[in-house]
Amino acid sequence: MKLLFDENLSPRLAAAISDIYPNSNHVRICGLRGASDDRISQYALDNEFAIVSKDSDFQQRSVLLGSPPKVIWLQIGNCSTRRAEFVLINLASLIQDFLLRGEQDCLVLRHPR
């Protein structure tokens, strides 16, 4: 389960969750800082990543174009990196199931109230 974190998430996330999501990375570290969504999607496709973002851009692409790459849309508001890490760790089995099954193109994770 390799995740590629969009620019709106901290580059520290990949290292923080590497025990659960090995070989995950951040667009900045991959040389994709400021890259278009098309370029990021192609990179994710070529390197077998699922894209994780807090923006709706990749979710909209998944509706129009399907997958791969699969998209995880974090609707967790303006929160700390620790909170994003907590969500990704605690929902790892749900995320793994989503990534292994072909039915869905986008998984929406909402901030619990």
PDB file of N, CA and C in Angstrom:
ATOM      1  N   MET A   1       0.834  -1.177   0.000  1.00  0.00           N
ATOM      2  CA  MET A   1       0.000   0.000   0.000  1.00  0.00           C
ATOM      3  C   MET A   1       0.874   1.234   0.000  1.00  0.00           C
ATOM      4  N   LYS A   2       1.162   1.736  -1.164  1.00  0.00           N
ATOM      5  CA  LYS A   2       1.981   2.938  -1.281  1.00  0.00           C
ATOM      6  C   LYS A   2       1.084   4.148  -1.477  1.00  0.00           C
ATOM      7  N   LEU A   3       1.302   5.147  -0.644  1.00  0.00           N
ATOM      8  CA  LEU A   3       0.530   6.374  -0.723  1.00  0.00           C
ATOM      9  C   LEU A   3       1.418   7.508  -1.202  1.00  0.00           C
ATOM     10  N   LEU A   4       0.854   8.363  -2.040  1.00  0.00           N
ATOM     11  CA  LEU A   4       1.538   9.568  -2.501  1.00  0.00           C
ATOM     12  C   LEU A   4       0.765  10.754  -1.959  1.00  0.00           C
ATOM     13  N   PHE A   5       1.395  11.520  -1.075  1.00  0.00           N
ATOM     14  CA  PHE A   5       0.740  12.642  -0.422  1.00  0.00           C
ATOM     15  C   PHE A   5       0.842  13.901  -1.260  1.00  0.00           C
ATOM     16  N   ASP A   6      -0.291  14.549  -1.431  1.00  0.00           N
ATOM     17  CA  ASP A   6      -0.390  15.793  -2.173  1.00  0.00           C
ATOM     18  C   ASP A   6       0.272  16.919  -1.377  1.00  0.00           C
ATOM     19  N   GLU A   7       0.506  18.040  -2.049  1.00  0.00           N
ATOM     20  CA  GLU A   7       1.198  19.178  -1.421  1.00  0.00           C
ATOM     21  C   GLU A   7       0.466  19.749  -0.224  1.00  0.00           C
ATOM     22  N   ASN A   8      -0.845  19.552  -0.136  1.00  0.00           N
ATOM     23  CA  ASN A   8      -1.604  20.118   0.972  1.00  0.00           C
ATOM     24  C   ASN A   8      -1.460  19.310   2.263  1.00  0.00           C
ATOM     25  N   LEU A   9      -0.642  18.284   2.235  1.00  0.00           N
ATOM     26  CA  LEU A   9      -0.335  17.472   3.422  1.00  0.00           C
ATOM     27  C   LEU A   9       1.163  17.541   3.696  1.00  0.00           C
ATOM     28  N   SER A  10       1.525  17.322   4.920  1.00  0.00           N
ATOM     29  CA  SER A  10       2.922  17.430   5.326  1.00  0.00           C
ATOM     30  C   SER A  10       3.786  16.314   4.728  1.00  0.00           C
ATOM     31  N   PRO A  11       4.984  16.659   4.268  1.00  0.00           N
ATOM     32  CA  PRO A  11       5.921  15.632   3.795  1.00  0.00           C
ATOM     33  C   PRO A  11       6.326  14.664   4.909  1.00  0.00           C
ATOM     34  N   ARG A  12       6.147  15.066   6.154  1.00  0.00           N
ATOM     35  CA  ARG A  12       6.497  14.198   7.287  1.00  0.00           C
ATOM     36  C   ARG A  12       5.577  12.987   7.418  1.00  0.00           C
ATOM     37  N   LEU A  13       4.406  13.045   6.812  1.00  0.00           N
ATOM     38  CA  LEU A  13       3.450  11.947   6.929  1.00  0.00           C
ATOM     39  C   LEU A  13       3.995  10.627   6.399  1.00  0.00           C
ATOM     40  N   ALA A  14       4.694  10.673   5.282  1.00  0.00           N
ATOM     41  CA  ALA A  14       5.209   9.430   4.678  1.00  0.00           C
ATOM     42  C   ALA A  14       6.119   8.684   5.649  1.00  0.00           C
ATOM     43  N   ALA A  15       7.010   9.396   6.308  1.00  0.00           N
ATOM     44  CA  ALA A  15       7.907   8.757   7.277  1.00  0.00           C
ATOM     45  C   ALA A  15       7.158   8.334   8.537  1.00  0.00           C
ATOM     46  N   ALA A  16       6.201   9.137   8.948  1.00  0.00           N
ATOM     47  CA  ALA A  16       5.481   8.858  10.192  1.00  0.00           C
ATOM     48  C   ALA A  16       4.650   7.587  10.121  1.00  0.00           C
ATOM     49  N   ILE A  17       4.201   7.228   8.942  1.00  0.00           N
ATOM     50  CA  ILE A  17       3.351   6.035   8.815  1.00  0.00           C
ATOM     51  C   ILE A  17       4.006   4.931   7.995  1.00  0.00           C
ATOM     52  N   SER A  18       5.314   5.002   7.854  1.00  0.00           N
ATOM     53  CA  SER A  18       6.032   4.051   6.994  1.00  0.00           C
ATOM     54  C   SER A  18       5.937   2.599   7.453  1.00  0.00           C
ATOM     55  N   ASP A  19       5.662   2.378   8.731  1.00  0.00           N
ATOM     56  CA  ASP A  19       5.522   0.997   9.194  1.00  0.00           C
ATOM     57  C   ASP A  19       4.235   0.357   8.678  1.00  0.00           C
ATOM     58  N   ILE A  20       3.203   1.149   8.446  1.00  0.00           N
ATOM     59  CA  ILE A  20       1.932   0.641   7.935  1.00  0.00           C
ATOM     60  C   ILE A  20       1.839   0.794   6.422  1.00  0.00           C
ATOM     61  N   TYR A  21       2.376   1.881   5.917  1.00  0.00           N
ATOM     62  CA  TYR A  21       2.335   2.185   4.483  1.00  0.00           C
ATOM     63  C   TYR A  21       3.764   2.333   3.953  1.00  0.00           C
ATOM     64  N   PRO A  22       4.504   1.224   3.832  1.00  0.00           N
ATOM     65  CA  PRO A  22       5.894   1.319   3.382  1.00  0.00           C
ATOM     66  C   PRO A  22       6.000   1.871   1.955  1.00  0.00           C
ATOM     67  N   ASN A  23       7.093   2.545   1.703  1.00  0.00           N
ATOM     68  CA  ASN A  23       7.410   3.125   0.397  1.00  0.00           C
ATOM     69  C   ASN A  23       6.472   4.243  -0.031  1.00  0.00           C
ATOM     70  N   SER A  24       5.736   4.794   0.920  1.00  0.00           N
ATOM     71  CA  SER A  24       4.903   5.958   0.617  1.00  0.00           C
ATOM     72  C   SER A  24       5.809   7.173   0.458  1.00  0.00           C
ATOM     73  N   ASN A  25       5.274   8.211  -0.202  1.00  0.00           N
ATOM     74  CA  ASN A  25       6.111   9.369  -0.477  1.00  0.00           C
ATOM     75  C   ASN A  25       5.241  10.617  -0.576  1.00  0.00           C
ATOM     76  N   HIS A  26       5.898  11.734  -0.743  1.00  0.00           N
ATOM     77  CA  HIS A  26       5.238  13.028  -0.858  1.00  0.00           C
ATOM     78  C   HIS A  26       5.619  13.640  -2.194  1.00  0.00           C
ATOM     79  N   VAL A  27       4.690  14.361  -2.827  1.00  0.00           N
ATOM     80  CA  VAL A  27       4.970  14.928  -4.149  1.00  0.00           C
ATOM     81  C   VAL A  27       6.213  15.816  -4.146  1.00  0.00           C
ATOM     82  N   ARG A  28       6.438  16.528  -3.070  1.00  0.00           N
ATOM     83  CA  ARG A  28       7.604  17.409  -2.980  1.00  0.00           C
ATOM     84  C   ARG A  28       8.906  16.607  -3.058  1.00  0.00           C
ATOM     85  N   ILE A  29       8.938  15.486  -2.358  1.00  0.00           N
ATOM     86  CA  ILE A  29      10.131  14.643  -2.338  1.00  0.00           C
ATOM     87  C   ILE A  29      10.348  13.956  -3.686  1.00  0.00           C
ATOM     88  N   CYS A  30       9.274  13.758  -4.415  1.00  0.00           N
ATOM     89  CA  CYS A  30       9.349  13.108  -5.732  1.00  0.00           C
ATOM     90  C   CYS A  30       9.661  14.103  -6.855  1.00  0.00           C
ATOM     91  N   GLY A  31       9.931  15.347  -6.495  1.00  0.00           N
ATOM     92  CA  GLY A  31      10.245  16.351  -7.505  1.00  0.00           C
ATOM     93  C   GLY A  31       9.006  16.884  -8.214  1.00  0.00           C
ATOM     94  N   LEU A  32       7.854  16.791  -7.579  1.00  0.00           N
ATOM     95  CA  LEU A  32       6.604  17.222  -8.201  1.00  0.00           C
ATOM     96  C   LEU A  32       6.002  18.456  -7.532  1.00  0.00           C
ATOM     97  N   ARG A  33       6.830  19.207  -6.861  1.00  0.00           N
ATOM     98  CA  ARG A  33       6.346  20.437  -6.208  1.00  0.00           C
ATOM     99  C   ARG A  33       5.783  21.373  -7.275  1.00  0.00           C
ATOM    100  N   GLY A  34       4.525  21.801  -7.100  1.00  0.00           N
ATOM    101  CA  GLY A  34       3.887  22.701  -8.050  1.00  0.00           C
ATOM    102  C   GLY A  34       3.442  22.036  -9.337  1.00  0.00           C
ATOM    103  N   ALA A  35       3.554  20.721  -9.422  1.00  0.00           N
ATOM    104  CA  ALA A  35       3.181  20.004 -10.644  1.00  0.00           C
ATOM    105  C   ALA A  35       1.667  19.996 -10.830  1.00  0.00           C
ATOM    106  N   SER A  36       1.251  19.846 -12.065  1.00  0.00           N
ATOM    107  CA  SER A  36      -0.181  19.775 -12.369  1.00  0.00           C
ATOM    108  C   SER A  36      -0.762  18.466 -11.837  1.00  0.00           C
ATOM    109  N   ASP A  37      -2.071  18.462 -11.670  1.00  0.00           N
ATOM    110  CA  ASP A  37      -2.753  17.243 -11.231  1.00  0.00           C
ATOM    111  C   ASP A  37      -2.544  16.114 -12.240  1.00  0.00           C
ATOM    112  N   ASP A  38      -2.499  16.465 -13.516  1.00  0.00           N
ATOM    113  CA  ASP A  38      -2.242  15.455 -14.557  1.00  0.00           C
ATOM    114  C   ASP A  38      -0.893  14.784 -14.348  1.00  0.00           C
ATOM    115  N   ARG A  39       0.111  15.599 -14.099  1.00  0.00           N
ATOM    116  CA  ARG A  39       1.473  15.060 -13.920  1.00  0.00           C
ATOM    117  C   ARG A  39       1.560  14.200 -12.650  1.00  0.00           C
ATOM    118  N   ILE A  40       0.938  14.662 -11.574  1.00  0.00           N
ATOM    119  CA  ILE A  40       0.943  13.895 -10.321  1.00  0.00           C
ATOM    120  C   ILE A  40       0.199  12.575 -10.508  1.00  0.00           C
ATOM    121  N   SER A  41      -0.934  12.617 -11.188  1.00  0.00           N
ATOM    122  CA  SER A  41      -1.701  11.389 -11.448  1.00  0.00           C
ATOM    123  C   SER A  41      -0.897  10.410 -12.291  1.00  0.00           C
ATOM    124  N   GLN A  42      -0.204  10.912 -13.301  1.00  0.00           N
ATOM    125  CA  GLN A  42       0.602  10.027 -14.148  1.00  0.00           C
ATOM    126  C   GLN A  42       1.751   9.416 -13.351  1.00  0.00           C
ATOM    127  N   TYR A  43       2.372  10.205 -12.501  1.00  0.00           N
ATOM    128  CA  TYR A  43       3.441   9.699 -11.643  1.00  0.00           C
ATOM    129  C   TYR A  43       2.907   8.599 -10.727  1.00  0.00           C
ATOM    130  N   ALA A  44       1.743   8.854 -10.127  1.00  0.00           N
ATOM    131  CA  ALA A  44       1.134   7.858  -9.241  1.00  0.00           C
ATOM    132  C   ALA A  44       0.814   6.580 -10.016  1.00  0.00           C
ATOM    133  N   LEU A  45       0.279   6.715 -11.198  1.00  0.00           N
ATOM    134  CA  LEU A  45      -0.041   5.559 -12.035  1.00  0.00           C
ATOM    135  C   LEU A  45       1.221   4.782 -12.394  1.00  0.00           C
ATOM    136  N   ASP A  46       2.241   5.474 -12.858  1.00  0.00           N
ATOM    137  CA  ASP A  46       3.497   4.832 -13.276  1.00  0.00           C
ATOM    138  C   ASP A  46       4.209   4.130 -12.128  1.00  0.00           C
ATOM    139  N   ASN A  47       4.034   4.633 -10.912  1.00  0.00           N
ATOM    140  CA  ASN A  47       4.766   4.108  -9.758  1.00  0.00           C
ATOM    141  C   ASN A  47       3.879   3.383  -8.741  1.00  0.00           C
ATOM    142  N   GLU A  48       2.649   3.103  -9.142  1.00  0.00           N
ATOM    143  CA  GLU A  48       1.703   2.314  -8.347  1.00  0.00           C
ATOM    144  C   GLU A  48       1.407   2.900  -6.960  1.00  0.00           C
ATOM    145  N   PHE A  49       1.138   4.206  -6.950  1.00  0.00           N
ATOM    146  CA  PHE A  49       0.742   4.906  -5.734  1.00  0.00           C
ATOM    147  C   PHE A  49      -0.761   5.156  -5.756  1.00  0.00           C
ATOM    148  N   ALA A  50      -1.347   5.255  -4.575  1.00  0.00           N
ATOM    149  CA  ALA A  50      -2.672   5.856  -4.405  1.00  0.00           C
ATOM    150  C   ALA A  50      -2.415   7.285  -3.946  1.00  0.00           C
ATOM    151  N   ILE A  51      -3.198   8.214  -4.430  1.00  0.00           N
ATOM    152  CA  ILE A  51      -3.008   9.620  -4.086  1.00  0.00           C
ATOM    153  C   ILE A  51      -3.847   9.970  -2.860  1.00  0.00           C
ATOM    154  N   VAL A  52      -3.216  10.659  -1.906  1.00  0.00           N
ATOM    155  CA  VAL A  52      -3.912  11.136  -0.711  1.00  0.00           C
ATOM    156  C   VAL A  52      -3.897  12.663  -0.752  1.00  0.00           C
ATOM    157  N   SER A  53      -5.092  13.261  -0.668  1.00  0.00           N
ATOM    158  CA  SER A  53      -5.190  14.707  -0.760  1.00  0.00           C
ATOM    159  C   SER A  53      -6.307  15.225   0.134  1.00  0.00           C
ATOM    160  N   LYS A  54      -6.189  16.499   0.497  1.00  0.00           N
ATOM    161  CA  LYS A  54      -7.256  17.173   1.236  1.00  0.00           C
ATOM    162  C   LYS A  54      -8.105  18.017   0.290  1.00  0.00           C
ATOM    163  N   ASP A  55      -7.708  18.132  -0.969  1.00  0.00           N
ATOM    164  CA  ASP A  55      -8.462  18.891  -1.967  1.00  0.00           C
ATOM    165  C   ASP A  55      -9.398  17.976  -2.733  1.00  0.00           C
ATOM    166  N   SER A  56     -10.424  18.556  -3.306  1.00  0.00           N
ATOM    167  CA  SER A  56     -11.383  17.779  -4.092  1.00  0.00           C
ATOM    168  C   SER A  56     -10.908  17.512  -5.520  1.00  0.00           C
ATOM    169  N   ASP A  57      -9.805  18.126  -5.947  1.00  0.00           N
ATOM    170  CA  ASP A  57      -9.335  18.001  -7.328  1.00  0.00           C
ATOM    171  C   ASP A  57      -9.180  16.546  -7.771  1.00  0.00           C
ATOM    172  N   PHE A  58      -8.479  15.755  -6.961  1.00  0.00           N
ATOM    173  CA  PHE A  58      -8.229  14.367  -7.349  1.00  0.00           C
ATOM    174  C   PHE A  58      -9.496  13.523  -7.240  1.00  0.00           C
ATOM    175  N   GLN A  59     -10.369  13.870  -6.310  1.00  0.00           N
ATOM    176  CA  GLN A  59     -11.661  13.181  -6.212  1.00  0.00           C
ATOM    177  C   GLN A  59     -12.449  13.426  -7.489  1.00  0.00           C
ATOM    178  N   GLN A  60     -12.472  14.651  -7.962  1.00  0.00           N
ATOM    179  CA  GLN A  60     -13.188  14.985  -9.196  1.00  0.00           C
ATOM    180  C   GLN A  60     -12.597  14.251 -10.390  1.00  0.00           C
ATOM    181  N   ARG A  61     -11.276  14.158 -10.426  1.00  0.00           N
ATOM    182  CA  ARG A  61     -10.618  13.403 -11.504  1.00  0.00           C
ATOM    183  C   ARG A  61     -11.038  11.939 -11.468  1.00  0.00           C
ATOM    184  N   SER A  62     -11.147  11.379 -10.257  1.00  0.00           N
ATOM    185  CA  SER A  62     -11.515   9.971 -10.139  1.00  0.00           C
ATOM    186  C   SER A  62     -12.947   9.739 -10.621  1.00  0.00           C
ATOM    187  N   VAL A  63     -13.831  10.723 -10.416  1.00  0.00           N
ATOM    188  CA  VAL A  63     -15.206  10.604 -10.911  1.00  0.00           C
ATOM    189  C   VAL A  63     -15.211  10.626 -12.437  1.00  0.00           C
ATOM    190  N   LEU A  64     -14.427  11.522 -13.015  1.00  0.00           N
ATOM    191  CA  LEU A  64     -14.390  11.666 -14.478  1.00  0.00           C
ATOM    192  C   LEU A  64     -13.604  10.571 -15.182  1.00  0.00           C
ATOM    193  N   LEU A  65     -12.466  10.188 -14.594  1.00  0.00           N
ATOM    194  CA  LEU A  65     -11.540   9.295 -15.290  1.00  0.00           C
ATOM    195  C   LEU A  65     -11.421   7.905 -14.679  1.00  0.00           C
ATOM    196  N   GLY A  66     -11.968   7.725 -13.487  1.00  0.00           N
ATOM    197  CA  GLY A  66     -11.834   6.435 -12.814  1.00  0.00           C
ATOM    198  C   GLY A  66     -10.432   6.245 -12.262  1.00  0.00           C
ATOM    199  N   SER A  67     -10.091   4.998 -12.035  1.00  0.00           N
ATOM    200  CA  SER A  67      -8.762   4.687 -11.501  1.00  0.00           C
ATOM    201  C   SER A  67      -8.172   3.552 -12.310  1.00  0.00           C
ATOM    202  N   PRO A  68      -6.891   3.315 -12.244  1.00  0.00           N
ATOM    203  CA  PRO A  68      -5.919   3.915 -11.341  1.00  0.00           C
ATOM    204  C   PRO A  68      -5.511   5.316 -11.793  1.00  0.00           C
ATOM    205  N   PRO A  69      -4.904   6.073 -10.931  1.00  0.00           N
ATOM    206  CA  PRO A  69      -4.620   5.782  -9.534  1.00  0.00           C
ATOM    207  C   PRO A  69      -5.869   5.978  -8.674  1.00  0.00           C
ATOM    208  N   LYS A  70      -5.911   5.240  -7.600  1.00  0.00           N
ATOM    209  CA  LYS A  70      -6.981   5.401  -6.629  1.00  0.00           C
ATOM    210  C   LYS A  70      -6.696   6.659  -5.809  1.00  0.00           C
ATOM    211  N   VAL A  71      -7.759   7.215  -5.248  1.00  0.00           N
ATOM    212  CA  VAL A  71      -7.651   8.471  -4.516  1.00  0.00           C
ATOM    213  C   VAL A  71      -8.251   8.310  -3.121  1.00  0.00           C
ATOM    214  N   ILE A  72      -7.540   8.831  -2.137  1.00  0.00           N
ATOM    215  CA  ILE A  72      -8.053   8.913  -0.775  1.00  0.00           C
ATOM    216  C   ILE A  72      -8.203  10.395  -0.468  1.00  0.00           C
ATOM    217  N   TRP A  73      -9.440  10.819  -0.293  1.00  0.00           N
ATOM    218  CA  TRP A  73      -9.749  12.216  -0.058  1.00  0.00           C
ATOM    219  C   TRP A  73      -9.984  12.420   1.422  1.00  0.00           C
ATOM    220  N   LEU A  74      -9.073  13.130   2.066  1.00  0.00           N
ATOM    221  CA  LEU A  74      -9.168  13.398   3.500  1.00  0.00           C
ATOM    222  C   LEU A  74      -9.986  14.656   3.733  1.00  0.00           C
ATOM    223  N   GLN A  75     -11.190  14.486   4.212  1.00  0.00           N
ATOM    224  CA  GLN A  75     -12.038  15.621   4.569  1.00  0.00           C
ATOM    225  C   GLN A  75     -11.966  15.791   6.084  1.00  0.00           C
ATOM    226  N   ILE A  76     -10.793  16.203   6.525  1.00  0.00           N
ATOM    227  CA  ILE A  76     -10.555  16.301   7.967  1.00  0.00           C
ATOM    228  C   ILE A  76     -10.282  17.734   8.411  1.00  0.00           C
ATOM    229  N   GLY A  77     -10.567  18.673   7.540  1.00  0.00           N
ATOM    230  CA  GLY A  77     -10.430  20.084   7.902  1.00  0.00           C
ATOM    231  C   GLY A  77      -8.990  20.503   8.128  1.00  0.00           C
ATOM    232  N   ASN A  78      -8.850  21.679   8.673  1.00  0.00           N
ATOM    233  CA  ASN A  78      -7.537  22.221   8.995  1.00  0.00           C
ATOM    234  C   ASN A  78      -7.073  21.588  10.296  1.00  0.00           C
ATOM    235  N   CYS A  79      -6.247  20.583  10.190  1.00  0.00           N
ATOM    236  CA  CYS A  79      -5.825  19.873  11.396  1.00  0.00           C
ATOM    237  C   CYS A  79      -4.319  19.649  11.357  1.00  0.00           C
ATOM    238  N   SER A  80      -3.817  19.173  12.451  1.00  0.00           N
ATOM    239  CA  SER A  80      -2.385  18.925  12.556  1.00  0.00           C
ATOM    240  C   SER A  80      -1.974  17.688  11.763  1.00  0.00           C
ATOM    241  N   THR A  81      -0.697  17.594  11.506  1.00  0.00           N
ATOM    242  CA  THR A  81      -0.142  16.411  10.858  1.00  0.00           C
ATOM    243  C   THR A  81      -0.395  15.188  11.722  1.00  0.00           C
ATOM    244  N   ARG A  82      -0.327  15.366  13.023  1.00  0.00           N
ATOM    245  CA  ARG A  82      -0.603  14.263  13.955  1.00  0.00           C
ATOM    246  C   ARG A  82      -2.006  13.714  13.772  1.00  0.00           C
ATOM    247  N   ARG A  83      -2.969  14.613  13.556  1.00  0.00           N
ATOM    248  CA  ARG A  83      -4.357  14.188  13.359  1.00  0.00           C
ATOM    249  C   ARG A  83      -4.504  13.406  12.055  1.00  0.00           C
ATOM    250  N   ALA A  84      -3.887  13.879  10.987  1.00  0.00           N
ATOM    251  CA  ALA A  84      -3.922  13.159   9.710  1.00  0.00           C
ATOM    252  C   ALA A  84      -3.276  11.788   9.867  1.00  0.00           C
ATOM    253  N   GLU A  85      -2.169  11.738  10.571  1.00  0.00           N
ATOM    254  CA  GLU A  85      -1.482  10.476  10.853  1.00  0.00           C
ATOM    255  C   GLU A  85      -2.405   9.537  11.628  1.00  0.00           C
ATOM    256  N   PHE A  86      -3.071  10.044  12.637  1.00  0.00           N
ATOM    257  CA  PHE A  86      -4.001   9.265  13.464  1.00  0.00           C
ATOM    258  C   PHE A  86      -5.104   8.646  12.599  1.00  0.00           C
ATOM    259  N   VAL A  87      -5.686   9.449  11.725  1.00  0.00           N
ATOM    260  CA  VAL A  87      -6.759   8.965  10.851  1.00  0.00           C
ATOM    261  C   VAL A  87      -6.244   7.864   9.934  1.00  0.00           C
ATOM    262  N   LEU A  88      -5.097   8.075   9.303  1.00  0.00           N
ATOM    263  CA  LEU A  88      -4.551   7.085   8.367  1.00  0.00           C
ATOM    264  C   LEU A  88      -4.159   5.787   9.059  1.00  0.00           C
ATOM    265  N   ILE A  89      -3.673   5.885  10.271  1.00  0.00           N
ATOM    266  CA  ILE A  89      -3.294   4.678  11.020  1.00  0.00           C
ATOM    267  C   ILE A  89      -4.532   3.928  11.498  1.00  0.00           C
ATOM    268  N   ASN A  90      -5.479   4.649  12.064  1.00  0.00           N
ATOM    269  CA  ASN A  90      -6.655   4.006  12.630  1.00  0.00           C
ATOM    270  C   ASN A  90      -7.627   3.467  11.588  1.00  0.00           C
ATOM    271  N   LEU A  91      -7.532   3.949  10.385  1.00  0.00           N
ATOM    272  CA  LEU A  91      -8.396   3.449   9.319  1.00  0.00           C
ATOM    273  C   LEU A  91      -7.626   2.603   8.304  1.00  0.00           C
ATOM    274  N   ALA A  92      -6.482   2.091   8.718  1.00  0.00           N
ATOM    275  CA  ALA A  92      -5.621   1.320   7.813  1.00  0.00           C
ATOM    276  C   ALA A  92      -6.333   0.116   7.197  1.00  0.00           C
ATOM    277  N   SER A  93      -7.138  -0.593   7.961  1.00  0.00           N
ATOM    278  CA  SER A  93      -7.817  -1.771   7.396  1.00  0.00           C
ATOM    279  C   SER A  93      -8.857  -1.351   6.356  1.00  0.00           C
ATOM    280  N   LEU A  94      -9.562  -0.253   6.592  1.00  0.00           N
ATOM    281  CA  LEU A  94     -10.513   0.277   5.612  1.00  0.00           C
ATOM    282  C   LEU A  94      -9.786   0.723   4.343  1.00  0.00           C
ATOM    283  N   ILE A  95      -8.665   1.405   4.523  1.00  0.00           N
ATOM    284  CA  ILE A  95      -7.867   1.877   3.387  1.00  0.00           C
ATOM    285  C   ILE A  95      -7.314   0.696   2.604  1.00  0.00           C
ATOM    286  N   GLN A  96      -6.798  -0.303   3.289  1.00  0.00           N
ATOM    287  CA  GLN A  96      -6.260  -1.477   2.616  1.00  0.00           C
ATOM    288  C   GLN A  96      -7.351  -2.174   1.800  1.00  0.00           C
ATOM    289  N   ASP A  97      -8.520  -2.336   2.386  1.00  0.00           N
ATOM    290  CA  ASP A  97      -9.638  -2.957   1.684  1.00  0.00           C
ATOM    291  C   ASP A  97      -9.986  -2.161   0.424  1.00  0.00           C
ATOM    292  N   PHE A  98     -10.045  -0.839   0.552  1.00  0.00           N
ATOM    293  CA  PHE A  98     -10.325   0.033  -0.588  1.00  0.00           C
ATOM    294  C   PHE A  98      -9.283  -0.137  -1.690  1.00  0.00           C
ATOM    295  N   LEU A  99      -8.012  -0.179  -1.312  1.00  0.00           N
ATOM    296  CA  LEU A  99      -6.949  -0.272  -2.314  1.00  0.00           C
ATOM    297  C   LEU A  99      -6.915  -1.630  -3.008  1.00  0.00           C
ATOM    298  N   LEU A 100      -7.334  -2.658  -2.330  1.00  0.00           N
ATOM    299  CA  LEU A 100      -7.289  -4.003  -2.908  1.00  0.00           C
ATOM    300  C   LEU A 100      -8.509  -4.332  -3.768  1.00  0.00           C
ATOM    301  N   ARG A 101      -9.604  -3.666  -3.541  1.00  0.00           N
ATOM    302  CA  ARG A 101     -10.823  -3.929  -4.311  1.00  0.00           C
ATOM    303  C   ARG A 101     -10.940  -2.955  -5.469  1.00  0.00           C
ATOM    304  N   GLY A 102     -11.551  -3.401  -6.531  1.00  0.00           N
ATOM    305  CA  GLY A 102     -11.648  -2.570  -7.720  1.00  0.00           C
ATOM    306  C   GLY A 102     -12.925  -1.760  -7.853  1.00  0.00           C
ATOM    307  N   GLU A 103     -13.864  -1.895  -6.906  1.00  0.00           N
ATOM    308  CA  GLU A 103     -15.170  -1.271  -7.080  1.00  0.00           C
ATOM    309  C   GLU A 103     -15.148   0.255  -6.995  1.00  0.00           C
ATOM    310  N   GLN A 104     -14.375   0.805  -6.099  1.00  0.00           N
ATOM    311  CA  GLN A 104     -14.363   2.247  -5.868  1.00  0.00           C
ATOM    312  C   GLN A 104     -13.094   2.875  -6.426  1.00  0.00           C
ATOM    313  N   ASP A 105     -13.238   4.126  -6.872  1.00  0.00           N
ATOM    314  CA  ASP A 105     -12.085   4.883  -7.353  1.00  0.00           C
ATOM    315  C   ASP A 105     -11.575   5.860  -6.307  1.00  0.00           C
ATOM    316  N   CYS A 106     -12.479   6.283  -5.405  1.00  0.00           N
ATOM    317  CA  CYS A 106     -12.127   7.282  -4.399  1.00  0.00           C
ATOM    318  C   CYS A 106     -12.715   6.888  -3.052  1.00  0.00           C
ATOM    319  N   LEU A 107     -11.895   6.985  -2.025  1.00  0.00           N
ATOM    320  CA  LEU A 107     -12.330   6.748  -0.651  1.00  0.00           C
ATOM    321  C   LEU A 107     -12.346   8.096   0.063  1.00  0.00           C
ATOM    322  N   VAL A 108     -13.497   8.456   0.609  1.00  0.00           N
ATOM    323  CA  VAL A 108     -13.627   9.716   1.342  1.00  0.00           C
ATOM    324  C   VAL A 108     -13.563   9.422   2.829  1.00  0.00           C
ATOM    325  N   LEU A 109     -12.604  10.048   3.494  1.00  0.00           N
ATOM    326  CA  LEU A 109     -12.455   9.903   4.942  1.00  0.00           C
ATOM    327  C   LEU A 109     -12.812  11.241   5.573  1.00  0.00           C
ATOM    328  N   ARG A 110     -13.862  11.237   6.374  1.00  0.00           N
ATOM    329  CA  ARG A 110     -14.347  12.475   6.988  1.00  0.00           C
ATOM    330  C   ARG A 110     -13.876  12.583   8.427  1.00  0.00           C
ATOM    331  N   HIS A 111     -13.758  13.796   8.876  1.00  0.00           N
ATOM    332  CA  HIS A 111     -13.378  14.088  10.259  1.00  0.00           C
ATOM    333  C   HIS A 111     -14.518  13.638  11.161  1.00  0.00           C
ATOM    334  N   PRO A 112     -14.246  12.758  12.116  1.00  0.00           N
ATOM    335  CA  PRO A 112     -15.318  12.336  13.022  1.00  0.00           C
ATOM    336  C   PRO A 112     -15.768  13.497  13.895  1.00  0.00           C
ATOM    337  N   ARG A 113     -17.051  13.547  14.159  1.00  0.00           N
ATOM    338  CA  ARG A 113     -17.595  14.652  14.976  1.00  0.00           C
ATOM    339  C   ARG A 113     -17.824  14.225  16.380  1.00  0.00           C
TER     340      ARG A 113
END
